[in-house]
Amino acid sequence: MPLSVALIEPQIPPNTGNIARLCAATGTTLHVIGPLGFSLQDEQLRRAGLDYWPDVDLWLHHHWRAFREAVSRDRCLYFSSHGTASYLDAPFTPNTVLMFGNETDGMPERIREKYPDRVFRIPMLPAVRSLNLASAVSVVVYEAARQLGLAFDDDGRRP
């Protein structure tokens, strides 16, 4: 799939493991940007990703600058509960990088302020602050795939 997911300093191992499994299921590249709140050998991380880890195109960036050196800013769309535009209106294109903040702090304010026209949110009732990170990533990945016509057929192959 011509999409990537990037997690900024993830903190909860099962969320990252579930996102890795999603990436394996959709052929989406996964960028994990440190520092991490856990070890990549964490048992909960491995368990959540099941035996799909060999199928994950995983890129580990030890810090933000390393990620920025590897990935063009022009490819990035940012997802945050603080965004004003709906994720349904995001300009998904091939090679888009779907950026998500961590479970504790969300998308860093400095990024939201620097790229306000590229920050999108998943609409929800006001009583709920945010979705679980793995759930939010799933919603956005499948919407991007739908908009780009990257659906799967019954055999799991792309048409």
Protein backbone atom coordinates (compact mmCIF):
# COMPACT_ATOMS: atom_id res chain seq x y z
CA MET A 1 0.00 0.00 0.00
CA PRO A 2 1.35 3.42 -0.81
CA LEU A 3 0.66 4.65 2.72
CA SER A 4 2.68 4.87 5.89
CA VAL A 5 1.74 5.31 9.53
CA ALA A 6 4.07 7.17 11.89
CA LEU A 7 3.78 7.01 15.67
CA ILE A 8 5.46 9.78 17.64
CA GLU A 9 6.95 8.44 20.88
CA PRO A 10 4.34 5.72 21.55
CA GLN A 11 3.90 4.76 25.20
CA ILE A 12 1.63 1.70 25.37
CA PRO A 13 3.07 -1.55 23.93
CA PRO A 14 -0.25 -3.26 23.02
CA ASN A 15 -1.36 -0.22 21.00
CA THR A 16 1.82 -0.27 18.94
CA GLY A 17 1.51 -4.05 18.53
CA ASN A 18 -2.07 -3.71 17.30
CA ILE A 19 -1.03 -0.97 14.89
CA ALA A 20 1.79 -3.19 13.62
CA ARG A 21 -0.74 -5.95 12.98
CA LEU A 22 -2.95 -3.44 11.10
CA CYS A 23 0.05 -2.42 9.01
CA ALA A 24 0.80 -6.07 8.19
CA ALA A 25 -2.86 -6.61 7.21
CA THR A 26 -2.92 -3.58 4.90
CA GLY A 27 0.63 -3.49 3.58
CA THR A 28 1.17 -0.13 5.26
CA THR A 29 4.68 0.91 6.30
CA LEU A 30 5.10 1.64 10.02
CA HIS A 31 7.45 4.36 11.27
CA VAL A 32 8.02 4.38 15.03
CA ILE A 33 9.67 7.55 16.30
CA GLY A 34 11.46 7.45 19.64
CA PRO A 35 12.08 7.72 22.37
CA LEU A 36 9.67 4.88 23.08
CA GLY A 37 7.89 4.26 26.36
CA PHE A 38 8.79 0.55 26.14
CA SER A 39 11.27 -1.90 24.62
CA LEU A 40 10.70 -3.39 21.18
CA GLN A 41 11.18 -6.74 22.94
CA ASP A 42 8.23 -6.06 25.28
CA GLU A 43 6.05 -9.16 25.68
CA GLN A 44 2.78 -7.20 25.37
CA LEU A 45 4.01 -5.52 22.17
CA ARG A 46 4.95 -8.86 20.64
CA ARG A 47 1.72 -10.54 21.75
CA ALA A 48 -0.46 -7.78 20.26
CA GLY A 49 1.39 -8.05 16.95
CA LEU A 50 1.06 -11.86 17.01
CA ASP A 51 3.19 -13.65 14.46
CA TYR A 52 2.80 -10.88 11.87
CA TRP A 53 5.98 -9.00 12.79
CA PRO A 54 7.92 -10.41 9.79
CA ASP A 55 5.22 -8.91 7.54
CA VAL A 56 5.58 -5.40 8.97
CA ASP A 57 7.69 -2.91 7.03
CA LEU A 58 9.00 -1.35 10.27
CA TRP A 59 11.22 1.71 10.35
CA LEU A 60 12.56 2.72 13.75
CA HIS A 61 13.70 6.33 14.11
CA HIS A 62 15.43 6.95 17.43
CA HIS A 63 14.32 10.59 17.53
CA TRP A 64 12.30 13.20 15.64
CA ARG A 65 15.24 14.55 13.65
CA ALA A 66 16.08 11.10 12.30
CA PHE A 67 12.51 10.74 11.09
CA ARG A 68 12.59 14.20 9.49
CA GLU A 69 15.79 13.30 7.65
CA ALA A 70 14.13 10.17 6.24
CA VAL A 71 10.65 11.47 5.38
CA SER A 72 9.60 14.64 3.55
CA ARG A 73 7.27 16.98 5.44
CA ASP A 74 5.17 17.30 2.28
CA ARG A 75 4.07 13.66 2.63
CA CYS A 76 2.71 14.07 6.18
CA LEU A 77 -0.85 14.51 7.40
CA TYR A 78 -1.37 14.89 11.15
CA PHE A 79 -4.25 13.45 13.19
CA SER A 80 -5.26 14.92 16.51
CA SER A 81 -8.36 15.47 18.60
CA HIS A 82 -7.33 19.16 18.43
CA GLY A 83 -7.71 19.31 14.64
CA THR A 84 -10.55 21.36 13.18
CA ALA A 85 -11.07 19.61 9.82
CA SER A 86 -12.49 16.11 9.55
CA TYR A 87 -10.25 13.20 8.57
CA LEU A 88 -12.81 12.58 5.79
CA ASP A 89 -11.56 15.80 4.18
CA ALA A 90 -7.86 14.96 4.43
CA PRO A 91 -6.06 15.12 1.07
CA PHE A 92 -4.88 11.50 0.96
CA THR A 93 -2.47 10.78 -1.88
CA PRO A 94 -0.19 7.85 -2.65
CA ASN A 95 2.84 7.92 -0.33
CA THR A 96 1.02 9.88 2.38
CA VAL A 97 2.39 9.45 5.91
CA LEU A 98 -0.39 9.37 8.50
CA MET A 99 1.09 10.91 11.66
CA PHE A 100 -0.19 10.19 15.18
CA GLY A 101 0.93 11.47 18.57
CA ASN A 102 1.28 9.25 21.61
CA GLU A 103 -1.36 8.03 24.02
CA THR A 104 -0.42 10.44 26.81
CA ASP A 105 0.29 13.74 25.09
CA GLY A 106 -1.28 13.34 21.66
CA MET A 107 0.11 15.25 18.71
CA PRO A 108 2.77 17.70 19.94
CA GLU A 109 1.53 21.28 20.03
CA ARG A 110 4.57 22.50 18.09
CA ILE A 111 3.51 20.32 15.13
CA ARG A 112 -0.16 21.36 15.34
CA GLU A 113 0.89 25.01 15.34
CA LYS A 114 3.38 24.61 12.50
CA TYR A 115 1.02 22.70 10.17
CA PRO A 116 -2.54 23.78 11.16
CA ASP A 117 -3.92 23.19 7.65
CA ARG A 118 -2.64 19.58 7.74
CA VAL A 119 -4.13 18.58 11.13
CA PHE A 120 -7.31 16.51 11.00
CA ARG A 121 -9.60 14.96 13.60
CA ILE A 122 -11.98 12.06 13.84
CA PRO A 123 -15.34 13.58 14.84
CA MET A 124 -16.88 12.20 18.03
CA LEU A 125 -19.31 13.21 20.74
CA PRO A 126 -17.94 15.93 23.03
CA ALA A 127 -18.12 13.75 26.15
CA VAL A 128 -15.17 11.69 24.82
CA ARG A 129 -11.72 13.30 24.64
CA SER A 130 -10.19 10.89 22.14
CA LEU A 131 -10.20 7.39 20.73
CA ASN A 132 -7.71 4.69 21.60
CA LEU A 133 -4.63 5.22 19.44
CA ALA A 134 -4.89 1.86 17.66
CA SER A 135 -8.58 2.49 16.94
CA ALA A 136 -7.88 5.97 15.55
CA VAL A 137 -5.09 4.67 13.30
CA SER A 138 -7.41 1.94 11.98
CA VAL A 139 -10.16 4.43 11.15
CA VAL A 140 -7.78 6.68 9.23
CA VAL A 141 -5.87 3.90 7.41
CA TYR A 142 -9.04 2.32 6.07
CA GLU A 143 -10.53 5.69 5.06
CA ALA A 144 -7.32 6.60 3.22
CA ALA A 145 -7.37 3.19 1.48
CA ARG A 146 -11.04 3.71 0.53
CA GLN A 147 -10.41 7.18 -0.90
CA LEU A 148 -7.38 5.94 -2.84
CA GLY A 149 -9.24 2.91 -4.18
CA LEU A 150 -6.95 0.47 -2.38
CA ALA A 151 -9.67 -2.00 -1.36
CA PHE A 152 -8.93 -5.71 -0.95
CA ASP A 153 -10.73 -8.50 -2.77
CA ASP A 154 -12.00 -11.72 -1.14
CA ASP A 155 -8.57 -13.35 -1.44
CA GLY A 156 -6.87 -10.50 0.40
CA ARG A 157 -5.17 -9.31 -2.78
CA ARG A 158 -5.46 -5.80 -4.07
CA PRO A 159 -7.44 -5.56 -7.33
